[in-house]
């Protein structure tokens, strides 16, 4: 077989140089216009079907990324083991649909009153973390937990005790060590029912642990204690001042009253999305902005709402 001459000519080099310059110019323009990547928590919205069918639904909706849960592949969210080859399959199926895997669900009760429960959670977290490189996932989403023994989403009055903070922080410290070994980032979410229920406590936890593998998932609909809605602007501004540089994942949902986690689809409540998205832009957040707390039927409307809000932030051409 005759081997073609692959040595570039001067014309080829000039054309490549022109293309590179054009690409650099386009990349610079894109960087100026870049913003959050719109995505979704796959398991909680597309609740039925195979992994492939759920990814198809996300792709058909026009989403750019998803938070994957092992339940989407027929396993528990926190499995004791993951079959060989499954992480690569998940990566391949997402890539085939041009969907980025923004994060992996890894929530367990990191402040459960039973130490064995926390140890089990850490063991399963390691299983997830070790699968992340093959899956192509760099972040694991989790929560700091509650003293309620039945539900990690239910507030307990002992959450504010020094003992609860001590147990939670010790668990988070071990989790951060697991993340360091696996070269992934843990993104914990401050929320009303958990020990870390504010941006101020999130800052305290990160300062105490001191790990670059511990970052934040921000869902502003989960930040307002009872009676705090009139101070929405102040609380949002303070949250970004305290933890804005450590946010790696963001949620997009809404609330119609304070004192508990928001439970409305984005644009269906009282959250000041203009301020929220402006703050994301101010802090140059270009990571995943994940729809949450909505049905599949509500996805198109919520996406349109977010896109319109984001477009309104763009400077005029």
Protein backbone atom coordinates (compact mmCIF):
# COMPACT_ATOMS: atom_id res chain seq x y z
CA UNK A 1 0.00 0.00 0.00
CA UNK A 2 1.33 3.43 -0.89
CA UNK A 3 1.74 5.65 2.17
CA UNK A 4 0.54 9.22 1.52
CA UNK A 5 2.85 12.14 2.19
CA UNK A 6 1.60 13.69 5.46
CA UNK A 7 4.23 16.44 5.69
CA UNK A 8 2.36 19.77 5.82
CA UNK A 9 3.02 22.29 3.06
CA UNK A 10 3.51 26.01 3.68
CA UNK A 11 -0.10 26.55 2.56
CA UNK A 12 -1.25 23.95 5.07
CA UNK A 13 0.66 25.66 7.85
CA UNK A 14 -0.80 29.05 6.98
CA UNK A 15 -4.33 27.57 6.92
CA UNK A 16 -3.78 25.86 10.28
CA UNK A 17 -2.46 29.10 11.75
CA UNK A 18 -5.52 30.99 10.50
CA UNK A 19 -7.87 28.37 11.89
CA UNK A 20 -6.08 28.45 15.25
CA UNK A 21 -6.38 32.24 15.41
CA UNK A 22 -10.05 32.04 14.52
CA UNK A 23 -10.63 29.39 17.16
CA UNK A 24 -8.81 31.43 19.79
CA UNK A 25 -10.93 34.46 18.94
CA UNK A 26 -14.11 32.40 19.16
CA UNK A 27 -12.98 30.87 22.45
CA UNK A 28 -12.37 34.32 23.86
CA UNK A 29 -15.85 35.43 22.86
CA UNK A 30 -17.35 32.27 24.31
CA UNK A 31 -15.48 32.77 27.56
CA UNK A 32 -17.00 36.23 27.90
CA UNK A 33 -20.47 34.84 27.30
CA UNK A 34 -19.96 31.62 29.27
CA UNK A 35 -22.31 30.90 32.10
CA UNK A 36 -23.72 28.01 34.10
CA UNK A 37 -24.26 24.66 32.41
CA UNK A 38 -27.95 23.84 32.69
CA UNK A 39 -28.57 20.34 33.97
CA UNK A 40 -30.76 18.21 36.20
CA UNK A 41 -30.78 15.67 39.01
CA UNK A 42 -31.52 12.73 36.77
CA UNK A 43 -32.96 10.25 39.27
CA UNK A 44 -35.45 12.55 40.97
CA UNK A 45 -37.07 13.94 37.81
CA UNK A 46 -36.83 11.08 35.32
CA UNK A 47 -37.87 8.44 37.80
CA UNK A 48 -38.67 5.54 35.48
CA UNK A 49 -36.93 3.63 32.72
CA UNK A 50 -33.46 2.34 32.07
CA UNK A 51 -30.32 4.42 32.37
CA UNK A 52 -30.37 4.92 28.61
CA UNK A 53 -34.02 6.01 28.61
CA UNK A 54 -33.44 8.52 31.39
CA UNK A 55 -30.42 9.96 29.62
CA UNK A 56 -32.47 10.12 26.42
CA UNK A 57 -35.07 12.20 28.27
CA UNK A 58 -32.43 14.61 29.55
CA UNK A 59 -30.93 14.95 26.09
CA UNK A 60 -34.33 15.48 24.46
CA UNK A 61 -35.05 18.28 26.94
CA UNK A 62 -31.93 20.12 25.77
CA UNK A 63 -29.96 19.76 28.99
CA UNK A 64 -26.17 19.96 29.00
CA UNK A 65 -25.36 17.87 32.07
CA UNK A 66 -26.84 15.59 34.73
CA UNK A 67 -26.19 14.56 38.29
CA UNK A 68 -26.15 10.80 38.07
CA UNK A 69 -27.32 8.43 40.81
CA UNK A 70 -26.44 4.76 40.89
CA UNK A 71 -30.17 4.09 41.22
CA UNK A 72 -30.45 5.13 37.56
CA UNK A 73 -28.44 1.98 36.77
CA UNK A 74 -30.53 -0.31 38.98
CA UNK A 75 -28.38 -0.11 42.14
CA UNK A 76 -28.95 1.62 45.48
CA UNK A 77 -27.75 5.23 45.54
CA UNK A 78 -25.06 4.10 48.00
CA UNK A 79 -24.19 0.55 46.94
CA UNK A 80 -21.85 -1.82 48.77
CA UNK A 81 -20.23 -2.64 45.45
CA UNK A 82 -20.46 -1.62 41.80
CA UNK A 83 -20.25 -4.27 39.08
CA UNK A 84 -17.10 -4.15 36.97
CA UNK A 85 -17.65 -2.22 33.78
CA UNK A 86 -20.71 -0.31 34.95
CA UNK A 87 -18.90 3.02 35.53
CA UNK A 88 -17.46 2.85 32.00
CA UNK A 89 -20.91 2.03 30.62
CA UNK A 90 -22.43 5.07 32.36
CA UNK A 91 -19.67 7.28 30.99
CA UNK A 92 -20.09 5.91 27.47
CA UNK A 93 -23.89 6.25 27.45
CA UNK A 94 -23.72 9.85 28.67
CA UNK A 95 -21.02 10.77 26.16
CA UNK A 96 -23.03 9.21 23.33
CA UNK A 97 -25.78 11.74 24.12
CA UNK A 98 -23.36 14.66 24.57
CA UNK A 99 -24.28 14.91 28.26
CA UNK A 100 -21.66 15.81 30.84
CA UNK A 101 -21.75 13.93 34.14
CA UNK A 102 -21.73 16.88 36.50
CA UNK A 103 -21.75 14.97 39.76
CA UNK A 104 -22.66 11.73 41.49
CA UNK A 105 -25.22 11.39 44.30
CA UNK A 106 -23.49 10.29 47.49
CA UNK A 107 -25.75 11.53 50.27
CA UNK A 108 -25.88 9.72 53.59
CA UNK A 109 -26.55 10.89 57.13
CA UNK A 110 -23.15 12.15 58.26
CA UNK A 111 -24.53 13.05 61.69
CA UNK A 112 -26.61 9.96 62.39
CA UNK A 113 -26.68 9.22 66.14
CA UNK A 114 -25.47 5.65 65.49
CA UNK A 115 -21.71 5.63 64.73
CA UNK A 116 -22.10 2.37 62.79
CA UNK A 117 -24.51 4.09 60.40
CA UNK A 118 -21.87 6.75 59.71
CA UNK A 119 -19.16 4.12 59.21
CA UNK A 120 -21.37 2.27 56.72
CA UNK A 121 -21.95 5.51 54.84
CA UNK A 122 -18.22 6.20 54.66
CA UNK A 123 -17.52 2.69 53.40
CA UNK A 124 -20.08 3.10 50.62
CA UNK A 125 -18.80 6.58 49.84
CA UNK A 126 -15.40 5.03 49.16
CA UNK A 127 -17.05 2.60 46.70
CA UNK A 128 -18.53 5.56 44.82
CA UNK A 129 -15.37 7.65 44.95
CA UNK A 130 -13.22 4.83 43.58
CA UNK A 131 -15.64 4.43 40.65
CA UNK A 132 -15.58 8.13 39.76
CA UNK A 133 -12.42 8.20 37.63
CA UNK A 134 -13.69 5.41 35.37
CA UNK A 135 -17.09 7.09 35.24
CA UNK A 136 -15.58 10.45 34.36
CA UNK A 137 -17.12 12.19 37.39
CA UNK A 138 -15.14 14.69 39.43
CA UNK A 139 -17.68 15.70 42.13
CA UNK A 140 -19.83 13.82 44.63
CA UNK A 141 -22.85 15.60 46.08
CA UNK A 142 -23.67 14.98 49.75
CA UNK A 143 -25.23 16.54 52.84
CA UNK A 144 -24.02 16.99 56.41
CA UNK A 145 -26.96 15.16 57.95
CA UNK A 146 -29.17 15.43 61.00
CA UNK A 147 -29.60 13.77 64.38
CA UNK A 148 -32.95 12.36 63.25
CA UNK A 149 -32.40 8.57 63.12
CA UNK A 150 -35.10 7.94 60.52
CA UNK A 151 -34.59 10.62 57.85
CA UNK A 152 -31.53 12.64 56.86
CA UNK A 153 -33.90 15.31 55.49
CA UNK A 154 -35.77 15.93 58.77
CA UNK A 155 -34.72 18.57 61.29
CA UNK A 156 -33.84 17.48 64.83
CA UNK A 157 -33.43 19.86 67.80
CA UNK A 158 -30.10 18.24 68.70
CA UNK A 159 -28.61 19.38 65.38
CA UNK A 160 -27.32 22.52 67.11
CA UNK A 161 -25.52 20.67 69.91
CA UNK A 162 -21.70 20.58 70.13
CA UNK A 163 -21.83 16.78 70.02
CA UNK A 164 -23.67 16.81 66.70
CA UNK A 165 -21.12 19.15 65.17
CA UNK A 166 -18.26 17.03 66.51
CA UNK A 167 -19.65 13.79 65.04
CA UNK A 168 -20.55 15.39 61.72
CA UNK A 169 -17.18 17.12 61.34
CA UNK A 170 -15.30 13.91 62.14
CA UNK A 171 -17.31 12.09 59.47
CA UNK A 172 -16.72 14.87 56.93
CA UNK A 173 -12.99 14.78 57.70
CA UNK A 174 -12.86 11.06 56.90
CA UNK A 175 -14.93 11.62 53.77
CA UNK A 176 -12.52 14.34 52.61
CA UNK A 177 -9.62 11.91 53.04
CA UNK A 178 -11.47 9.39 50.84
CA UNK A 179 -12.04 12.12 48.25
CA UNK A 180 -8.35 13.07 48.30
CA UNK A 181 -7.30 9.48 47.68
CA UNK A 182 -9.76 9.14 44.78
CA UNK A 183 -8.93 12.62 43.41
CA UNK A 184 -12.55 13.82 43.51
CA UNK A 185 -14.30 16.74 45.20
CA UNK A 186 -17.08 16.45 47.77
CA UNK A 187 -19.79 19.11 47.38
CA UNK A 188 -21.91 19.37 50.53
CA UNK A 189 -25.16 21.31 50.59
CA UNK A 190 -26.12 23.68 53.42
CA UNK A 191 -29.82 23.18 54.09
CA UNK A 192 -32.40 23.88 56.72
CA UNK A 193 -32.83 20.37 58.15
CA UNK A 194 -29.12 19.62 58.49
CA UNK A 195 -26.40 20.47 60.98
CA UNK A 196 -24.88 22.82 58.42
CA UNK A 197 -27.95 24.95 57.75
CA UNK A 198 -26.40 28.23 56.62
CA UNK A 199 -23.57 29.67 54.57
CA UNK A 200 -21.91 30.79 57.78
CA UNK A 201 -21.76 27.21 59.10
CA UNK A 202 -20.59 25.99 55.69
CA UNK A 203 -17.67 28.42 55.91
CA UNK A 204 -16.90 27.22 59.43
CA UNK A 205 -16.88 23.58 58.32
CA UNK A 206 -14.57 24.17 55.36
CA UNK A 207 -12.19 26.22 57.49
CA UNK A 208 -12.17 23.51 60.15
CA UNK A 209 -11.55 20.63 57.74
CA UNK A 210 -9.09 22.57 55.60
CA UNK A 211 -9.27 20.26 52.59
CA UNK A 212 -9.23 21.37 48.93
CA UNK A 213 -11.40 18.31 48.27
CA UNK A 214 -14.30 19.79 50.27
CA UNK A 215 -16.47 22.28 48.40
CA UNK A 216 -20.11 23.45 48.30
CA UNK A 217 -23.36 22.74 46.51
CA UNK A 218 -25.47 25.88 46.77
CA UNK A 219 -29.26 25.76 46.73
CA UNK A 220 -30.43 29.20 47.85
CA UNK A 221 -33.99 27.94 48.30
CA UNK A 222 -32.67 25.99 51.31
CA UNK A 223 -31.04 28.88 53.18
CA UNK A 224 -33.93 30.77 54.77
CA UNK A 225 -34.78 30.13 58.39
CA UNK A 226 -38.22 31.01 59.67
CA UNK A 227 -38.85 34.74 59.37
CA UNK A 228 -35.86 35.40 57.07
CA UNK A 229 -37.56 35.83 53.70
CA UNK A 230 -37.77 39.64 54.09
CA UNK A 231 -33.94 39.55 54.29
CA UNK A 232 -33.54 37.53 51.09
CA UNK A 233 -31.15 39.94 49.35
CA UNK A 234 -28.96 40.27 52.41
CA UNK A 235 -28.81 36.48 52.96
CA UNK A 236 -28.00 35.75 49.32
CA UNK A 237 -25.26 38.39 49.28
CA UNK A 238 -23.79 37.07 52.52
CA UNK A 239 -23.83 33.48 51.23
CA UNK A 240 -21.76 34.40 48.19
CA UNK A 241 -19.40 36.55 50.25
CA UNK A 242 -18.74 33.62 52.58
CA UNK A 243 -18.68 30.64 50.23
CA UNK A 244 -18.95 31.98 46.68
CA UNK A 245 -15.40 31.00 45.74
CA UNK A 246 -15.99 27.42 46.94
CA UNK A 247 -19.22 26.68 45.04
CA UNK A 248 -18.78 23.86 42.52
CA UNK A 249 -22.44 22.84 42.04
CA UNK A 250 -25.64 24.89 42.11
CA UNK A 251 -29.29 23.90 42.31
CA UNK A 252 -32.23 25.60 40.67
CA UNK A 253 -35.47 25.21 42.54
CA UNK A 254 -37.76 27.55 44.48
CA UNK A 255 -39.68 28.13 47.70
CA UNK A 256 -42.98 29.65 48.71
CA UNK A 257 -42.23 30.02 52.43
CA UNK A 258 -39.25 29.97 54.72
CA UNK A 259 -38.37 27.67 57.58
CA UNK A 260 -37.78 24.51 55.53
CA UNK A 261 -36.12 23.33 52.34
CA UNK A 262 -37.61 24.85 49.21
CA UNK A 263 -39.80 22.43 47.31
CA UNK A 264 -41.06 24.33 44.26
CA UNK A 265 -39.77 24.16 40.66
CA UNK A 266 -37.57 27.04 39.54
CA UNK A 267 -39.63 30.13 38.75
CA UNK A 268 -42.69 28.89 40.66
CA UNK A 269 -41.97 30.62 43.96
CA UNK A 270 -40.45 33.60 45.71
CA UNK A 271 -36.71 33.17 45.16
CA UNK A 272 -35.07 36.25 43.65
CA UNK A 273 -33.57 34.55 40.59
CA UNK A 274 -32.36 37.84 39.14
CA UNK A 275 -30.14 38.38 42.16
CA UNK A 276 -29.12 34.71 42.42
CA UNK A 277 -28.00 34.48 38.80
CA UNK A 278 -26.33 37.89 38.95
CA UNK A 279 -24.29 36.69 41.91
CA UNK A 280 -23.32 33.53 40.04
CA UNK A 281 -22.10 35.72 37.20
CA UNK A 282 -20.29 38.06 39.56
CA UNK A 283 -18.40 35.09 41.02
CA UNK A 284 -17.73 33.74 37.52
CA UNK A 285 -19.56 30.48 38.19
CA UNK A 286 -19.53 28.39 35.01
CA UNK A 287 -20.30 25.02 36.54
CA UNK A 288 -23.48 22.92 36.65
CA UNK A 289 -26.78 24.62 37.54
CA UNK A 290 -29.02 21.65 38.21
CA UNK A 291 -32.81 21.69 38.09
CA UNK A 292 -34.28 19.96 41.11
CA UNK A 293 -37.68 19.38 42.70
CA UNK A 294 -39.73 19.20 39.50
CA UNK A 295 -41.53 16.71 37.30
CA UNK A 296 -40.52 15.77 33.79
CA UNK A 297 -43.49 17.75 32.47
CA UNK A 298 -42.21 20.90 34.21
CA UNK A 299 -38.69 20.71 32.74
CA UNK A 300 -39.36 22.68 29.51
CA UNK A 301 -40.98 25.58 31.35
CA UNK A 302 -38.27 25.76 34.01
CA UNK A 303 -35.53 25.62 31.38
CA UNK A 304 -37.18 28.43 29.44
CA UNK A 305 -37.40 30.46 32.65
CA UNK A 306 -33.69 29.98 33.44
CA UNK A 307 -32.59 30.69 29.88
CA UNK A 308 -34.59 33.90 29.77
CA UNK A 309 -33.13 35.04 33.08
CA UNK A 310 -29.58 34.21 31.99
CA UNK A 311 -30.08 35.94 28.64
CA UNK A 312 -31.23 39.09 30.42
CA UNK A 313 -27.85 39.24 32.17
CA UNK A 314 -25.91 39.29 28.91
CA UNK A 315 -24.69 42.75 27.85
CA UNK A 316 -26.22 44.05 24.61
CA UNK A 317 -24.31 43.14 21.44
